[in-house]
Amino acid sequence: MMINNDMTGEVLQPAVGYANRLICSGGESFGPRFIHDHQFIYVERGTGAAVIAGQRFEVGPGQLYYYGPGEPHWFRADDNDPFTLFGLHFTPYARTGEEEGGFVIEPAHNLTDLHHVPEGEPRLPGIAVCCETEGWPRALFQEAVAEFRKSDPFSALILRGILLQLLGRTARTLAGGEHTDDPRHLHISFIKGKLDELAREAYDPGWLEAWSPYGHDYASRLFRRLYGESPHSYHLARKLDASKAMLQESDRSVTAIAAVLQFNSVHYFSRLFKSRFGENPSDYRNRYRWL
């Protein structure tokens, strides 16, 4: 995917400035605002509303939003079915040493009329404001957030690779090439959705046969082929994601959260949490929330 900066002729060489996941409460909103870099917003679950550069959207799961510098935007979570969002700020034409740039947010006063574009690059051509996906961006955003928090000497390079995949697959989806007619994929996608839904339950190997026309081993192999990990590992990862939500949203103790999510012990839960996210549950709870 070759995208040139019309102002400088530079070839696409993106750098991630920030990545995070935000679990919103009912009615929570951000904006109106605009930024000086570029941002993807992926809707993991829930519903709400959005206005981007005067266009209004009904926000729902699987949608991928994009806006560039100076484009005013506003998001509001539904009161009864609030959304969970992934956000990724990036610069498309970063030069060496610009990977650690962060980002700037400014308030906007009129979502319909304000369209101040600061000096610098325009929005990326060919990337729509809203793209309907079948859920494929989720894994990339999860990996980006984990890598951004890791922040070791290799993170900038790995994040660039993730972002290039995101840009390429978004372009493919918009061109109509990201869909599949293989019925096996539909069955395995259904299993994935059910594992998401039951993330707080104890894993049951019998689920795979109950939710598909395949035996356990065959369904497990198909799942691993499509999503890169076993159903059990995927379910455990979603359970750990659920624990992050509970740490953010409730005052329950770490021990109580481990019990609610049916981990064998709080020590086992804490060890898995630190292995996946690089910090223990108590330290994670103290992190600030921002998108």
Protein backbone atom coordinates (compact mmCIF):
# COMPACT_ATOMS: atom_id res chain seq x y z
CA MET A 1 0.00 0.00 0.00
CA MET A 2 1.79 3.10 -1.25
CA ILE A 3 0.38 6.38 0.03
CA ASN A 4 2.36 9.52 -0.64
CA ASN A 5 2.18 12.79 1.21
CA ASP A 6 0.91 15.20 -1.47
CA MET A 7 2.80 18.04 0.20
CA THR A 8 6.25 16.42 0.40
CA GLY A 9 6.11 13.28 -1.76
CA GLU A 10 7.15 11.12 1.22
CA VAL A 11 6.08 7.47 1.19
CA LEU A 12 3.91 6.13 4.00
CA GLN A 13 6.10 5.33 7.02
CA PRO A 14 3.77 5.50 10.02
CA ALA A 15 4.61 5.82 13.71
CA VAL A 16 2.24 5.20 16.61
CA GLY A 17 2.05 8.02 19.14
CA TYR A 18 -0.45 6.51 21.58
CA ALA A 19 -2.69 3.43 21.94
CA ASN A 20 -5.27 2.62 24.57
CA ARG A 21 -8.56 0.86 25.31
CA LEU A 22 -11.37 2.80 27.03
CA ILE A 23 -14.36 1.21 28.74
CA CYS A 24 -17.03 3.92 28.80
CA SER A 25 -19.86 4.34 31.26
CA GLY A 26 -23.41 5.16 30.17
CA GLY A 27 -23.59 8.63 28.60
CA GLU A 28 -19.83 9.22 28.79
CA SER A 29 -18.48 11.36 25.95
CA PHE A 30 -15.32 12.98 24.63
CA GLY A 31 -15.18 16.03 22.41
CA PRO A 32 -16.03 18.12 20.61
CA ARG A 33 -12.33 18.33 19.89
CA PHE A 34 -9.72 18.04 17.17
CA ILE A 35 -6.20 16.67 17.09
CA HIS A 36 -3.00 17.49 15.18
CA ASP A 37 -2.16 13.91 14.23
CA HIS A 38 -4.33 11.03 12.94
CA GLN A 39 -6.49 8.58 14.89
CA PHE A 40 -8.29 5.29 14.46
CA ILE A 41 -11.17 4.49 16.81
CA TYR A 42 -12.37 0.87 16.86
CA VAL A 43 -15.68 -0.03 18.55
CA GLU A 44 -15.17 -3.31 20.39
CA ARG A 45 -18.68 -3.51 21.83
CA GLY A 46 -21.66 -1.36 22.76
CA THR A 47 -23.41 1.50 20.98
CA GLY A 48 -23.55 5.28 20.91
CA ALA A 49 -23.35 8.27 18.59
CA ALA A 50 -20.59 10.21 16.84
CA VAL A 51 -20.14 13.35 14.78
CA ILE A 52 -17.00 13.67 12.63
CA ALA A 53 -16.45 16.78 10.50
CA GLY A 54 -20.21 17.36 10.33
CA GLN A 55 -21.14 13.73 9.52
CA ARG A 56 -23.34 11.95 12.05
CA PHE A 57 -23.01 8.23 12.79
CA GLU A 58 -24.81 5.61 14.84
CA VAL A 59 -21.92 3.84 16.53
CA GLY A 60 -21.97 0.05 16.82
CA PRO A 61 -19.66 -2.95 17.35
CA GLY A 62 -17.11 -3.69 14.65
CA GLN A 63 -17.00 -0.16 13.25
CA LEU A 64 -13.64 1.45 12.54
CA TYR A 65 -13.48 5.26 12.49
CA TYR A 66 -10.70 7.42 11.12
CA TYR A 67 -10.07 11.17 11.14
CA GLY A 68 -7.07 13.32 10.36
CA PRO A 69 -5.60 16.53 11.75
CA GLY A 70 -8.05 19.35 12.34
CA GLU A 71 -11.20 17.26 11.73
CA PRO A 72 -13.60 18.01 14.62
CA HIS A 73 -15.14 14.96 16.27
CA TRP A 74 -17.33 13.94 19.19
CA PHE A 75 -18.30 10.52 20.57
CA ARG A 76 -21.01 9.72 23.13
CA ALA A 77 -21.74 6.30 24.65
CA ASP A 78 -25.32 5.06 24.84
CA ASP A 79 -26.88 5.40 28.29
CA ASN A 80 -27.90 1.72 28.48
CA ASP A 81 -25.39 0.01 26.17
CA PRO A 82 -22.17 2.05 26.47
CA PHE A 83 -19.36 1.27 24.08
CA THR A 84 -15.82 0.07 24.68
CA LEU A 85 -13.35 1.73 22.32
CA PHE A 86 -9.80 1.23 21.16
CA GLY A 87 -7.95 4.42 20.18
CA LEU A 88 -4.72 4.68 18.22
CA HIS A 89 -2.98 8.00 17.46
CA PHE A 90 -0.41 7.96 14.66
CA THR A 91 1.66 9.99 12.23
CA PRO A 92 1.70 8.58 8.66
CA TYR A 93 4.99 10.06 7.44
CA ALA A 94 7.20 9.96 10.52
CA ARG A 95 10.92 10.48 10.15
CA THR A 96 13.57 8.75 12.21
CA GLY A 97 13.35 9.79 15.85
CA GLU A 98 9.72 10.93 15.64
CA GLU A 99 8.19 7.75 17.05
CA GLU A 100 7.89 9.24 20.56
CA GLY A 101 5.84 12.29 19.61
CA GLY A 102 2.70 11.83 21.70
CA PHE A 103 -0.32 13.82 20.58
CA VAL A 104 -2.12 17.14 21.06
CA ILE A 105 -5.87 17.53 21.72
CA GLU A 106 -7.67 20.87 21.38
CA PRO A 107 -11.33 21.73 22.07
CA ALA A 108 -13.64 22.44 19.13
CA HIS A 109 -16.62 24.76 19.46
CA ASN A 110 -18.68 23.85 16.40
CA LEU A 111 -18.69 20.31 15.06
CA THR A 112 -20.45 21.20 11.83
CA ASP A 113 -18.54 24.28 10.72
CA LEU A 114 -15.11 24.13 12.34
CA HIS A 115 -12.55 22.55 10.06
CA HIS A 116 -9.26 24.16 10.97
CA VAL A 117 -6.39 22.15 9.53
CA PRO A 118 -3.03 23.13 11.06
CA GLU A 119 0.05 23.29 8.86
CA GLY A 120 1.25 19.77 8.15
CA GLU A 121 -0.10 16.64 6.53
CA PRO A 122 -3.75 16.20 5.41
CA ARG A 123 -5.93 13.16 6.15
CA LEU A 124 -4.95 9.92 4.42
CA PRO A 125 -6.55 9.50 0.99
CA GLY A 126 -8.70 6.42 0.42
CA ILE A 127 -9.41 5.70 4.11
CA ALA A 128 -13.10 6.23 4.89
CA VAL A 129 -14.36 8.05 7.97
CA CYS A 130 -16.33 4.92 8.96
CA CYS A 131 -15.57 1.36 7.88
CA GLU A 132 -17.79 -1.62 8.74
CA THR A 133 -15.64 -4.62 9.65
CA GLU A 134 -16.39 -8.18 10.74
CA GLY A 135 -14.31 -7.75 13.87
CA TRP A 136 -10.88 -8.37 12.36
CA PRO A 137 -9.30 -5.13 13.76
CA ARG A 138 -9.75 -6.20 17.38
CA ALA A 139 -6.68 -8.43 17.57
CA LEU A 140 -4.48 -5.76 15.98
CA PHE A 141 -5.67 -3.10 18.42
CA GLN A 142 -5.17 -5.43 21.39
CA GLU A 143 -1.62 -6.12 20.24
CA ALA A 144 -0.97 -2.41 19.68
CA VAL A 145 -2.14 -1.47 23.17
CA ALA A 146 -0.05 -4.22 24.79
CA GLU A 147 3.03 -3.23 22.76
CA PHE A 148 2.60 0.48 23.49
CA ARG A 149 2.48 -0.23 27.22
CA LYS A 150 5.53 -2.49 26.98
CA SER A 151 7.57 0.37 25.50
CA ASP A 152 10.89 -1.42 25.11
CA PRO A 153 13.56 -0.58 22.48
CA PHE A 154 11.74 -2.69 19.88
CA SER A 155 8.21 -1.36 20.46
CA ALA A 156 8.30 1.49 17.91
CA LEU A 157 9.26 -0.92 15.11
CA ILE A 158 6.66 -3.52 16.14
CA LEU A 159 3.96 -0.84 16.43
CA ARG A 160 4.80 0.38 12.92
CA GLY A 161 4.25 -3.17 11.62
CA ILE A 162 0.90 -3.42 13.41
CA LEU A 163 -0.21 -0.06 12.03
CA LEU A 164 0.81 -1.01 8.48
CA GLN A 165 -1.34 -4.14 8.79
CA LEU A 166 -4.23 -2.04 10.05
CA LEU A 167 -3.94 0.41 7.16
CA GLY A 168 -3.55 -2.33 4.55
CA ARG A 169 -6.44 -4.45 5.79
CA THR A 170 -8.66 -1.37 6.10
CA ALA A 171 -7.97 -0.54 2.46
CA ARG A 172 -8.71 -4.15 1.50
CA THR A 173 -11.99 -4.12 3.44
CA LEU A 174 -13.08 -0.89 1.74
CA ALA A 175 -12.26 -2.51 -1.61
CA GLY A 176 -14.48 -5.48 -0.72
CA GLY A 177 -11.71 -8.04 -0.36
CA GLU A 178 -11.78 -8.77 3.38
CA HIS A 179 -14.86 -11.03 3.35
CA THR A 180 -15.04 -14.80 3.05
CA ASP A 181 -17.80 -17.13 1.86
CA ASP A 182 -16.30 -20.23 3.51
CA PRO A 183 -19.07 -21.55 5.83
CA ARG A 184 -16.45 -22.95 8.21
CA HIS A 185 -15.29 -19.41 8.88
CA LEU A 186 -18.82 -18.39 9.79
CA HIS A 187 -19.11 -21.22 12.32
CA ILE A 188 -15.73 -20.43 13.87
CA SER A 189 -16.56 -16.72 13.94
CA PHE A 190 -19.74 -17.63 15.86
CA ILE A 191 -17.64 -19.60 18.37
CA LYS A 192 -15.37 -16.57 18.78
CA GLY A 193 -18.39 -14.35 19.48
CA LYS A 194 -19.71 -16.79 22.09
CA LEU A 195 -16.31 -16.93 23.79
CA ASP A 196 -16.40 -13.14 23.96
CA GLU A 197 -19.90 -13.26 25.44
CA LEU A 198 -18.99 -15.86 28.09
CA ALA A 199 -15.58 -14.44 28.99
CA ARG A 200 -16.46 -14.32 32.69
CA GLU A 201 -17.46 -17.99 32.85
CA ALA A 202 -15.20 -21.00 33.40
CA TYR A 203 -14.09 -22.47 30.08
CA ASP A 204 -16.01 -25.59 28.97
CA PRO A 205 -14.44 -27.73 26.19
CA GLY A 206 -17.96 -28.92 25.31
CA TRP A 207 -18.81 -25.48 24.00
CA LEU A 208 -17.09 -26.09 20.66
CA GLU A 209 -19.31 -29.02 19.72
CA ALA A 210 -22.41 -27.31 21.09
CA TRP A 211 -21.82 -24.17 19.02
CA SER A 212 -20.74 -25.75 15.71
CA PRO A 213 -21.34 -28.86 13.61
CA TYR A 214 -17.72 -29.96 14.19
CA GLY A 215 -15.99 -32.12 16.73
CA HIS A 216 -13.90 -30.46 19.44
CA ASP A 217 -10.48 -31.12 17.88
CA TYR A 218 -11.43 -30.03 14.37
CA ALA A 219 -13.15 -26.87 15.61
CA SER A 220 -10.11 -26.09 17.75
CA ARG A 221 -7.75 -26.51 14.76
CA LEU A 222 -9.91 -24.25 12.58
CA PHE A 223 -10.05 -21.65 15.34
CA ARG A 224 -6.27 -21.66 15.73
CA ARG A 225 -5.82 -21.41 11.94
CA LEU A 226 -8.11 -18.35 11.76
CA TYR A 227 -7.14 -16.52 14.96
CA GLY A 228 -3.66 -17.75 15.78
CA GLU A 229 -4.44 -19.33 19.16
CA SER A 230 -6.58 -22.07 20.66
CA PRO A 231 -10.16 -21.35 21.80
CA HIS A 232 -9.08 -21.93 25.40
CA SER A 233 -6.22 -19.43 25.13
CA TYR A 234 -8.48 -16.92 23.41
CA HIS A 235 -11.11 -17.30 26.14
CA LEU A 236 -8.49 -16.86 28.86
CA ALA A 237 -7.27 -13.66 27.17
CA ARG A 238 -10.84 -12.30 27.09
CA LYS A 239 -11.26 -13.27 30.76
CA LEU A 240 -8.14 -11.25 31.59
CA ASP A 241 -9.53 -8.36 29.52
CA ALA A 242 -12.73 -8.61 31.59
CA SER A 243 -10.63 -8.39 34.75
CA LYS A 244 -9.16 -5.12 33.46
CA ALA A 245 -12.66 -3.74 32.99
CA MET A 246 -13.60 -4.75 36.54
CA LEU A 247 -10.43 -3.18 37.92
CA GLN A 248 -11.31 0.07 36.13
CA GLU A 249 -15.02 0.14 36.88
CA SER A 250 -15.47 -1.29 40.36
CA ASP A 251 -14.02 -1.15 43.86
CA ARG A 252 -13.96 -4.94 44.23
CA SER A 253 -10.77 -6.35 45.66
CA VAL A 254 -8.37 -8.28 43.48
CA THR A 255 -9.34 -11.42 45.40
CA ALA A 256 -13.04 -10.80 44.74
CA ILE A 257 -12.44 -10.23 41.03
CA ALA A 258 -10.46 -13.47 40.80
CA ALA A 259 -13.39 -15.30 42.39
CA VAL A 260 -16.04 -13.70 40.16
CA LEU A 261 -14.06 -14.65 37.06
CA GLN A 262 -13.61 -18.20 38.38
CA PHE A 263 -9.82 -18.29 38.54
CA ASN A 264 -8.50 -21.05 40.76
CA SER A 265 -6.82 -18.59 43.12
CA VAL A 266 -5.92 -14.91 43.40
CA HIS A 267 -2.23 -15.86 43.07
CA TYR A 268 -2.89 -17.68 39.79
CA PHE A 269 -4.94 -14.72 38.53
CA SER A 270 -2.24 -12.21 39.48
CA ARG A 271 0.48 -14.29 37.83
CA LEU A 272 -1.49 -14.57 34.56
CA PHE A 273 -2.39 -10.86 34.63
CA LYS A 274 1.24 -9.79 35.07
CA SER A 275 2.43 -12.21 32.41
CA ARG A 276 -0.02 -10.78 29.86
CA PHE A 277 0.04 -7.08 30.74
CA GLY A 278 3.42 -6.57 32.38
CA GLU A 279 2.13 -5.33 35.74
CA ASN A 280 0.12 -6.70 38.65
CA PRO A 281 -3.64 -6.01 38.98
CA SER A 282 -3.23 -3.45 41.77
CA ASP A 283 -0.74 -1.36 39.77
CA TYR A 284 -3.01 -1.51 36.73
CA ARG A 285 -5.95 -0.20 38.78
CA ASN A 286 -3.92 2.92 39.57
CA ARG A 287 -3.41 3.81 35.90
CA TYR A 288 -5.15 6.91 34.56
CA ARG A 289 -7.84 6.57 31.89
CA TRP A 290 -7.45 8.44 28.64
CA LEU A 291 -8.25 8.01 24.96
